[in-house]
Protein backbone atom coordinates (compact mmCIF):
# COMPACT_ATOMS: atom_id res chain seq x y z
CA UNK A 1 0.00 0.00 0.00
CA UNK A 2 1.29 3.44 -0.93
CA UNK A 3 1.96 5.77 2.05
CA UNK A 4 -0.44 8.69 2.15
CA UNK A 5 0.87 12.24 2.50
CA UNK A 6 -0.80 13.99 5.38
CA UNK A 7 -1.03 17.61 4.25
CA UNK A 8 -2.15 18.86 7.65
CA UNK A 9 0.91 17.30 9.29
CA UNK A 10 3.12 18.80 6.60
CA UNK A 11 1.64 22.22 7.21
CA UNK A 12 2.07 21.97 10.96
CA UNK A 13 5.70 20.85 10.53
CA UNK A 14 6.31 23.69 8.10
CA UNK A 15 4.71 26.23 10.43
CA UNK A 16 6.72 25.04 13.44
CA UNK A 17 10.03 25.28 11.56
CA UNK A 18 9.37 28.88 10.47
CA UNK A 19 12.17 31.22 11.54
CA UNK A 20 11.29 33.51 14.45
CA UNK A 21 13.71 36.27 13.47
CA UNK A 22 11.62 37.37 10.45
CA UNK A 23 14.21 36.53 7.81
CA UNK A 24 12.95 36.94 4.24
CA UNK A 25 12.55 33.20 3.61
CA UNK A 26 9.75 31.58 1.67
CA UNK A 27 6.53 30.75 3.45
CA UNK A 28 6.71 27.03 4.32
CA UNK A 29 2.94 26.64 4.02
CA UNK A 30 3.09 28.15 0.55
CA UNK A 31 5.98 25.87 -0.38
CA UNK A 32 3.92 22.88 0.74
CA UNK A 33 1.03 24.03 -1.45
CA UNK A 34 3.38 24.42 -4.40
CA UNK A 35 4.68 20.89 -3.84
CA UNK A 36 1.12 19.52 -3.66
CA UNK A 37 0.19 21.42 -6.82
CA UNK A 38 3.27 20.14 -8.64
CA UNK A 39 2.36 16.59 -7.66
CA UNK A 40 -1.21 17.06 -8.93
CA UNK A 41 0.04 18.44 -12.25
CA UNK A 42 2.62 15.68 -12.73
CA UNK A 43 0.04 12.98 -11.92
CA UNK A 44 -2.53 14.58 -14.22
CA UNK A 45 -5.11 14.91 -11.45
CA UNK A 46 -6.26 18.43 -12.27
CA UNK A 47 -9.94 18.71 -13.21
CA UNK A 48 -10.78 18.63 -16.90
CA UNK A 49 -10.65 22.06 -18.56
CA UNK A 50 -8.91 23.64 -15.56
CA UNK A 51 -6.55 26.44 -16.63
CA UNK A 52 -4.00 26.65 -13.81
CA UNK A 53 -2.28 29.75 -15.20
CA UNK A 54 -5.51 31.74 -15.18
CA UNK A 55 -6.75 30.30 -11.89
CA UNK A 56 -3.68 31.16 -9.82
CA UNK A 57 -4.36 34.85 -10.48
CA UNK A 58 -7.58 34.54 -8.46
CA UNK A 59 -7.04 35.06 -4.70
CA UNK A 60 -10.07 32.86 -3.99
CA UNK A 61 -8.18 29.80 -5.27
CA UNK A 62 -5.19 30.52 -3.05
CA UNK A 63 -7.48 30.97 -0.06
CA UNK A 64 -9.26 27.67 -0.75
CA UNK A 65 -5.97 25.87 -1.26
CA UNK A 66 -4.61 27.21 2.04
CA UNK A 67 -7.77 26.20 3.87
CA UNK A 68 -8.43 22.75 2.34
CA UNK A 69 -5.21 21.71 0.65
CA UNK A 70 -4.29 21.92 -3.02
CA UNK A 71 -6.39 19.05 -4.36
CA UNK A 72 -9.58 19.81 -2.46
CA UNK A 73 -9.16 23.57 -2.91
CA UNK A 74 -8.91 23.19 -6.68
CA UNK A 75 -11.96 20.90 -6.80
CA UNK A 76 -13.98 23.37 -4.70
CA UNK A 77 -12.81 26.28 -6.84
CA UNK A 78 -13.78 24.49 -10.07
CA UNK A 79 -17.18 23.53 -8.64
CA UNK A 80 -17.86 27.12 -7.56
CA UNK A 81 -16.83 28.46 -10.99
CA UNK A 82 -19.07 25.94 -12.76
CA UNK A 83 -21.99 26.84 -10.50
CA UNK A 84 -21.39 30.55 -11.14
CA UNK A 85 -21.24 29.95 -14.91
CA UNK A 86 -24.44 27.90 -14.78
CA UNK A 87 -26.20 30.67 -12.85
CA UNK A 88 -25.01 33.30 -15.33
CA UNK A 89 -26.18 31.15 -18.26
CA UNK A 90 -29.58 30.70 -16.63
CA UNK A 91 -29.87 34.45 -16.10
CA UNK A 92 -28.93 35.10 -19.74
CA UNK A 93 -31.50 32.56 -20.96
CA UNK A 94 -34.16 34.14 -18.76
CA UNK A 95 -33.41 37.66 -19.97
CA UNK A 96 -33.40 36.44 -23.59
CA UNK A 97 -36.79 34.83 -23.04
CA UNK A 98 -38.12 38.05 -21.49
CA UNK A 99 -36.85 40.07 -24.47
CA UNK A 100 -38.50 37.55 -26.79
CA UNK A 101 -41.80 37.87 -24.99
CA UNK A 102 -41.68 41.64 -24.98
CA UNK A 103 -41.16 41.59 -28.76
CA UNK A 104 -44.54 39.90 -29.31
CA UNK A 105 -47.23 42.10 -30.82
CA UNK A 106 -49.57 43.73 -28.35
CA UNK A 107 -53.25 44.43 -28.76
CA UNK A 108 -53.98 48.10 -29.30
CA UNK A 109 -57.48 47.86 -27.87
CA UNK A 110 -56.44 45.57 -25.03
CA UNK A 111 -59.24 45.70 -22.49
CA UNK A 112 -60.31 49.25 -23.09
CA UNK A 113 -63.97 49.87 -22.41
CA UNK A 114 -66.40 50.77 -25.17
CA UNK A 115 -67.10 54.50 -25.38
CA UNK A 116 -70.16 55.62 -23.47
CA UNK A 117 -73.34 56.24 -25.46
CA UNK A 118 -73.91 59.85 -26.41
CA UNK A 119 -76.44 61.59 -24.18
CA UNK A 120 -78.54 63.58 -26.64
CA UNK A 121 -80.96 64.84 -23.95
CA UNK A 122 -78.21 66.32 -21.80
CA UNK A 123 -76.44 67.87 -24.78
CA UNK A 124 -76.41 71.65 -25.11
CA UNK A 125 -78.19 73.17 -28.11
CA UNK A 126 -74.86 74.34 -29.59
CA UNK A 127 -73.33 70.86 -29.30
CA UNK A 128 -76.48 69.33 -30.83
CA UNK A 129 -76.35 71.76 -33.82
CA UNK A 130 -72.68 70.93 -34.34
CA UNK A 131 -73.47 67.20 -34.26
CA UNK A 132 -76.27 67.70 -36.81
CA UNK A 133 -73.91 69.64 -39.11
CA UNK A 134 -71.37 66.81 -38.87
CA UNK A 135 -74.03 64.20 -39.69
CA UNK A 136 -75.23 66.21 -42.74
CA UNK A 137 -71.66 66.57 -44.01
CA UNK A 138 -71.09 62.84 -43.61
CA UNK A 139 -74.31 62.09 -45.49
CA UNK A 140 -73.31 64.47 -48.34
CA UNK A 141 -69.93 62.73 -48.61
CA UNK A 142 -71.75 59.37 -48.98
CA UNK A 143 -70.93 58.04 -45.52
CA UNK A 144 -73.27 56.41 -43.05
CA UNK A 145 -73.84 57.75 -39.59
CA UNK A 146 -74.56 55.44 -36.70
CA UNK A 147 -76.18 56.78 -33.62
C-alpha atoms as a PDB file:
ATOM      1  CA  UNK A   1       0.000   0.000   0.000  1.00  0.00           C
ATOM      2  CA  UNK A   2       1.295   3.439  -0.931  1.00  0.00           C
ATOM      3  CA  UNK A   3       1.955   5.773   2.054  1.00  0.00           C
ATOM      4  CA  UNK A   4      -0.443   8.691   2.151  1.00  0.00           C
ATOM      5  CA  UNK A   5       0.867  12.241   2.504  1.00  0.00           C
ATOM      6  CA  UNK A   6      -0.800  13.992   5.384  1.00  0.00           C
ATOM      7  CA  UNK A   7      -1.027  17.606   4.249  1.00  0.00           C
ATOM      8  CA  UNK A   8      -2.145  18.858   7.652  1.00  0.00           C
ATOM      9  CA  UNK A   9       0.906  17.299   9.295  1.00  0.00           C
ATOM     10  CA  UNK A  10       3.120  18.798   6.597  1.00  0.00           C
ATOM     11  CA  UNK A  11       1.645  22.221   7.208  1.00  0.00           C
ATOM     12  CA  UNK A  12       2.070  21.969  10.957  1.00  0.00           C
ATOM     13  CA  UNK A  13       5.696  20.853  10.529  1.00  0.00           C
ATOM     14  CA  UNK A  14       6.305  23.692   8.101  1.00  0.00           C
ATOM     15  CA  UNK A  15       4.712  26.227  10.429  1.00  0.00           C
ATOM     16  CA  UNK A  16       6.720  25.036  13.443  1.00  0.00           C
ATOM     17  CA  UNK A  17      10.030  25.275  11.559  1.00  0.00           C
ATOM     18  CA  UNK A  18       9.375  28.884  10.467  1.00  0.00           C
ATOM     19  CA  UNK A  19      12.170  31.224  11.536  1.00  0.00           C
ATOM     20  CA  UNK A  20      11.294  33.514  14.447  1.00  0.00           C
ATOM     21  CA  UNK A  21      13.713  36.266  13.466  1.00  0.00           C
ATOM     22  CA  UNK A  22      11.621  37.371  10.451  1.00  0.00           C
ATOM     23  CA  UNK A  23      14.214  36.527   7.810  1.00  0.00           C
ATOM     24  CA  UNK A  24      12.949  36.944   4.239  1.00  0.00           C
ATOM     25  CA  UNK A  25      12.552  33.203   3.611  1.00  0.00           C
ATOM     26  CA  UNK A  26       9.746  31.582   1.673  1.00  0.00           C
ATOM     27  CA  UNK A  27       6.529  30.752   3.452  1.00  0.00           C
ATOM     28  CA  UNK A  28       6.711  27.027   4.319  1.00  0.00           C
ATOM     29  CA  UNK A  29       2.938  26.640   4.015  1.00  0.00           C
ATOM     30  CA  UNK A  30       3.087  28.150   0.547  1.00  0.00           C
ATOM     31  CA  UNK A  31       5.977  25.865  -0.385  1.00  0.00           C
ATOM     32  CA  UNK A  32       3.923  22.876   0.742  1.00  0.00           C
ATOM     33  CA  UNK A  33       1.026  24.030  -1.447  1.00  0.00           C
ATOM     34  CA  UNK A  34       3.384  24.425  -4.397  1.00  0.00           C
ATOM     35  CA  UNK A  35       4.684  20.889  -3.841  1.00  0.00           C
ATOM     36  CA  UNK A  36       1.124  19.521  -3.664  1.00  0.00           C
ATOM     37  CA  UNK A  37       0.189  21.420  -6.815  1.00  0.00           C
ATOM     38  CA  UNK A  38       3.267  20.139  -8.639  1.00  0.00           C
ATOM     39  CA  UNK A  39       2.359  16.591  -7.663  1.00  0.00           C
ATOM     40  CA  UNK A  40      -1.210  17.062  -8.932  1.00  0.00           C
ATOM     41  CA  UNK A  41       0.043  18.442 -12.246  1.00  0.00           C
ATOM     42  CA  UNK A  42       2.615  15.682 -12.734  1.00  0.00           C
ATOM     43  CA  UNK A  43       0.037  12.978 -11.915  1.00  0.00           C
ATOM     44  CA  UNK A  44      -2.534  14.581 -14.221  1.00  0.00           C
ATOM     45  CA  UNK A  45      -5.115  14.914 -11.453  1.00  0.00           C
ATOM     46  CA  UNK A  46      -6.263  18.432 -12.269  1.00  0.00           C
ATOM     47  CA  UNK A  47      -9.943  18.706 -13.214  1.00  0.00           C
ATOM     48  CA  UNK A  48     -10.784  18.632 -16.904  1.00  0.00           C
ATOM     49  CA  UNK A  49     -10.652  22.055 -18.562  1.00  0.00           C
ATOM     50  CA  UNK A  50      -8.911  23.642 -15.562  1.00  0.00           C
ATOM     51  CA  UNK A  51      -6.547  26.440 -16.630  1.00  0.00           C
ATOM     52  CA  UNK A  52      -4.002  26.651 -13.814  1.00  0.00           C
ATOM     53  CA  UNK A  53      -2.278  29.748 -15.199  1.00  0.00           C
ATOM     54  CA  UNK A  54      -5.506  31.735 -15.182  1.00  0.00           C
ATOM     55  CA  UNK A  55      -6.755  30.304 -11.890  1.00  0.00           C
ATOM     56  CA  UNK A  56      -3.676  31.162  -9.817  1.00  0.00           C
ATOM     57  CA  UNK A  57      -4.358  34.851 -10.476  1.00  0.00           C
ATOM     58  CA  UNK A  58      -7.578  34.544  -8.457  1.00  0.00           C
ATOM     59  CA  UNK A  59      -7.038  35.058  -4.703  1.00  0.00           C
ATOM     60  CA  UNK A  60     -10.070  32.860  -3.986  1.00  0.00           C
ATOM     61  CA  UNK A  61      -8.181  29.803  -5.269  1.00  0.00           C
ATOM     62  CA  UNK A  62      -5.193  30.518  -3.046  1.00  0.00           C
ATOM     63  CA  UNK A  63      -7.484  30.974  -0.062  1.00  0.00           C
ATOM     64  CA  UNK A  64      -9.259  27.675  -0.753  1.00  0.00           C
ATOM     65  CA  UNK A  65      -5.968  25.874  -1.260  1.00  0.00           C
ATOM     66  CA  UNK A  66      -4.612  27.208   2.036  1.00  0.00           C
ATOM     67  CA  UNK A  67      -7.772  26.198   3.871  1.00  0.00           C
ATOM     68  CA  UNK A  68      -8.435  22.749   2.341  1.00  0.00           C
ATOM     69  CA  UNK A  69      -5.205  21.707   0.655  1.00  0.00           C
ATOM     70  CA  UNK A  70      -4.286  21.919  -3.015  1.00  0.00           C
ATOM     71  CA  UNK A  71      -6.393  19.051  -4.365  1.00  0.00           C
ATOM     72  CA  UNK A  72      -9.584  19.812  -2.457  1.00  0.00           C
ATOM     73  CA  UNK A  73      -9.160  23.571  -2.907  1.00  0.00           C
ATOM     74  CA  UNK A  74      -8.907  23.189  -6.677  1.00  0.00           C
ATOM     75  CA  UNK A  75     -11.956  20.901  -6.805  1.00  0.00           C
ATOM     76  CA  UNK A  76     -13.979  23.368  -4.701  1.00  0.00           C
ATOM     77  CA  UNK A  77     -12.814  26.283  -6.845  1.00  0.00           C
ATOM     78  CA  UNK A  78     -13.778  24.490 -10.074  1.00  0.00           C
ATOM     79  CA  UNK A  79     -17.184  23.526  -8.636  1.00  0.00           C
ATOM     80  CA  UNK A  80     -17.857  27.123  -7.563  1.00  0.00           C
ATOM     81  CA  UNK A  81     -16.832  28.459 -10.990  1.00  0.00           C
ATOM     82  CA  UNK A  82     -19.068  25.944 -12.764  1.00  0.00           C
ATOM     83  CA  UNK A  83     -21.995  26.844 -10.502  1.00  0.00           C
ATOM     84  CA  UNK A  84     -21.392  30.548 -11.143  1.00  0.00           C
ATOM     85  CA  UNK A  85     -21.243  29.948 -14.909  1.00  0.00           C
ATOM     86  CA  UNK A  86     -24.443  27.896 -14.785  1.00  0.00           C
ATOM     87  CA  UNK A  87     -26.196  30.665 -12.845  1.00  0.00           C
ATOM     88  CA  UNK A  88     -25.015  33.296 -15.331  1.00  0.00           C
ATOM     89  CA  UNK A  89     -26.177  31.148 -18.256  1.00  0.00           C
ATOM     90  CA  UNK A  90     -29.578  30.700 -16.628  1.00  0.00           C
ATOM     91  CA  UNK A  91     -29.874  34.451 -16.099  1.00  0.00           C
ATOM     92  CA  UNK A  92     -28.931  35.100 -19.742  1.00  0.00           C
ATOM     93  CA  UNK A  93     -31.502  32.562 -20.965  1.00  0.00           C
ATOM     94  CA  UNK A  94     -34.164  34.136 -18.758  1.00  0.00           C
ATOM     95  CA  UNK A  95     -33.411  37.663 -19.971  1.00  0.00           C
ATOM     96  CA  UNK A  96     -33.402  36.443 -23.594  1.00  0.00           C
ATOM     97  CA  UNK A  97     -36.791  34.829 -23.043  1.00  0.00           C
ATOM     98  CA  UNK A  98     -38.116  38.047 -21.488  1.00  0.00           C
ATOM     99  CA  UNK A  99     -36.852  40.067 -24.471  1.00  0.00           C
ATOM    100  CA  UNK A 100     -38.497  37.555 -26.785  1.00  0.00           C
ATOM    101  CA  UNK A 101     -41.802  37.866 -24.989  1.00  0.00           C
ATOM    102  CA  UNK A 102     -41.682  41.640 -24.976  1.00  0.00           C
ATOM    103  CA  UNK A 103     -41.161  41.591 -28.760  1.00  0.00           C
ATOM    104  CA  UNK A 104     -44.537  39.897 -29.312  1.00  0.00           C
ATOM    105  CA  UNK A 105     -47.233  42.104 -30.823  1.00  0.00           C
ATOM    106  CA  UNK A 106     -49.567  43.725 -28.346  1.00  0.00           C
ATOM    107  CA  UNK A 107     -53.248  44.430 -28.764  1.00  0.00           C
ATOM    108  CA  UNK A 108     -53.976  48.102 -29.298  1.00  0.00           C
ATOM    109  CA  UNK A 109     -57.476  47.857 -27.873  1.00  0.00           C
ATOM    110  CA  UNK A 110     -56.444  45.572 -25.029  1.00  0.00           C
ATOM    111  CA  UNK A 111     -59.241  45.695 -22.495  1.00  0.00           C
ATOM    112  CA  UNK A 112     -60.307  49.251 -23.093  1.00  0.00           C
ATOM    113  CA  UNK A 113     -63.974  49.872 -22.405  1.00  0.00           C
ATOM    114  CA  UNK A 114     -66.402  50.775 -25.168  1.00  0.00           C
ATOM    115  CA  UNK A 115     -67.100  54.500 -25.377  1.00  0.00           C
ATOM    116  CA  UNK A 116     -70.159  55.618 -23.468  1.00  0.00           C
ATOM    117  CA  UNK A 117     -73.337  56.236 -25.457  1.00  0.00           C
ATOM    118  CA  UNK A 118     -73.914  59.851 -26.413  1.00  0.00           C
ATOM    119  CA  UNK A 119     -76.439  61.592 -24.178  1.00  0.00           C
ATOM    120  CA  UNK A 120     -78.537  63.583 -26.636  1.00  0.00           C
ATOM    121  CA  UNK A 121     -80.955  64.841 -23.951  1.00  0.00           C
ATOM    122  CA  UNK A 122     -78.212  66.323 -21.796  1.00  0.00           C
ATOM    123  CA  UNK A 123     -76.441  67.868 -24.782  1.00  0.00           C
ATOM    124  CA  UNK A 124     -76.407  71.652 -25.108  1.00  0.00           C
ATOM    125  CA  UNK A 125     -78.186  73.165 -28.110  1.00  0.00           C
ATOM    126  CA  UNK A 126     -74.859  74.339 -29.594  1.00  0.00           C
ATOM    127  CA  UNK A 127     -73.335  70.864 -29.298  1.00  0.00           C
ATOM    128  CA  UNK A 128     -76.481  69.335 -30.834  1.00  0.00           C
ATOM    129  CA  UNK A 129     -76.354  71.756 -33.817  1.00  0.00           C
ATOM    130  CA  UNK A 130     -72.677  70.928 -34.337  1.00  0.00           C
ATOM    131  CA  UNK A 131     -73.466  67.198 -34.258  1.00  0.00           C
ATOM    132  CA  UNK A 132     -76.270  67.697 -36.808  1.00  0.00           C
ATOM    133  CA  UNK A 133     -73.909  69.635 -39.115  1.00  0.00           C
ATOM    134  CA  UNK A 134     -71.367  66.807 -38.871  1.00  0.00           C
ATOM    135  CA  UNK A 135     -74.031  64.197 -39.690  1.00  0.00           C
ATOM    136  CA  UNK A 136     -75.230  66.207 -42.739  1.00  0.00           C
ATOM    137  CA  UNK A 137     -71.656  66.575 -44.005  1.00  0.00           C
ATOM    138  CA  UNK A 138     -71.087  62.837 -43.611  1.00  0.00           C
ATOM    139  CA  UNK A 139     -74.314  62.094 -45.494  1.00  0.00           C
ATOM    140  CA  UNK A 140     -73.309  64.472 -48.344  1.00  0.00           C
ATOM    141  CA  UNK A 141     -69.933  62.726 -48.610  1.00  0.00           C
ATOM    142  CA  UNK A 142     -71.748  59.366 -48.979  1.00  0.00           C
ATOM    143  CA  UNK A 143     -70.934  58.041 -45.522  1.00  0.00           C
ATOM    144  CA  UNK A 144     -73.269  56.413 -43.045  1.00  0.00           C
ATOM    145  CA  UNK A 145     -73.844  57.749 -39.587  1.00  0.00           C
ATOM    146  CA  UNK A 146     -74.556  55.440 -36.705  1.00  0.00           C
ATOM    147  CA  UNK A 147     -76.183  56.778 -33.623  1.00  0.00           C
END
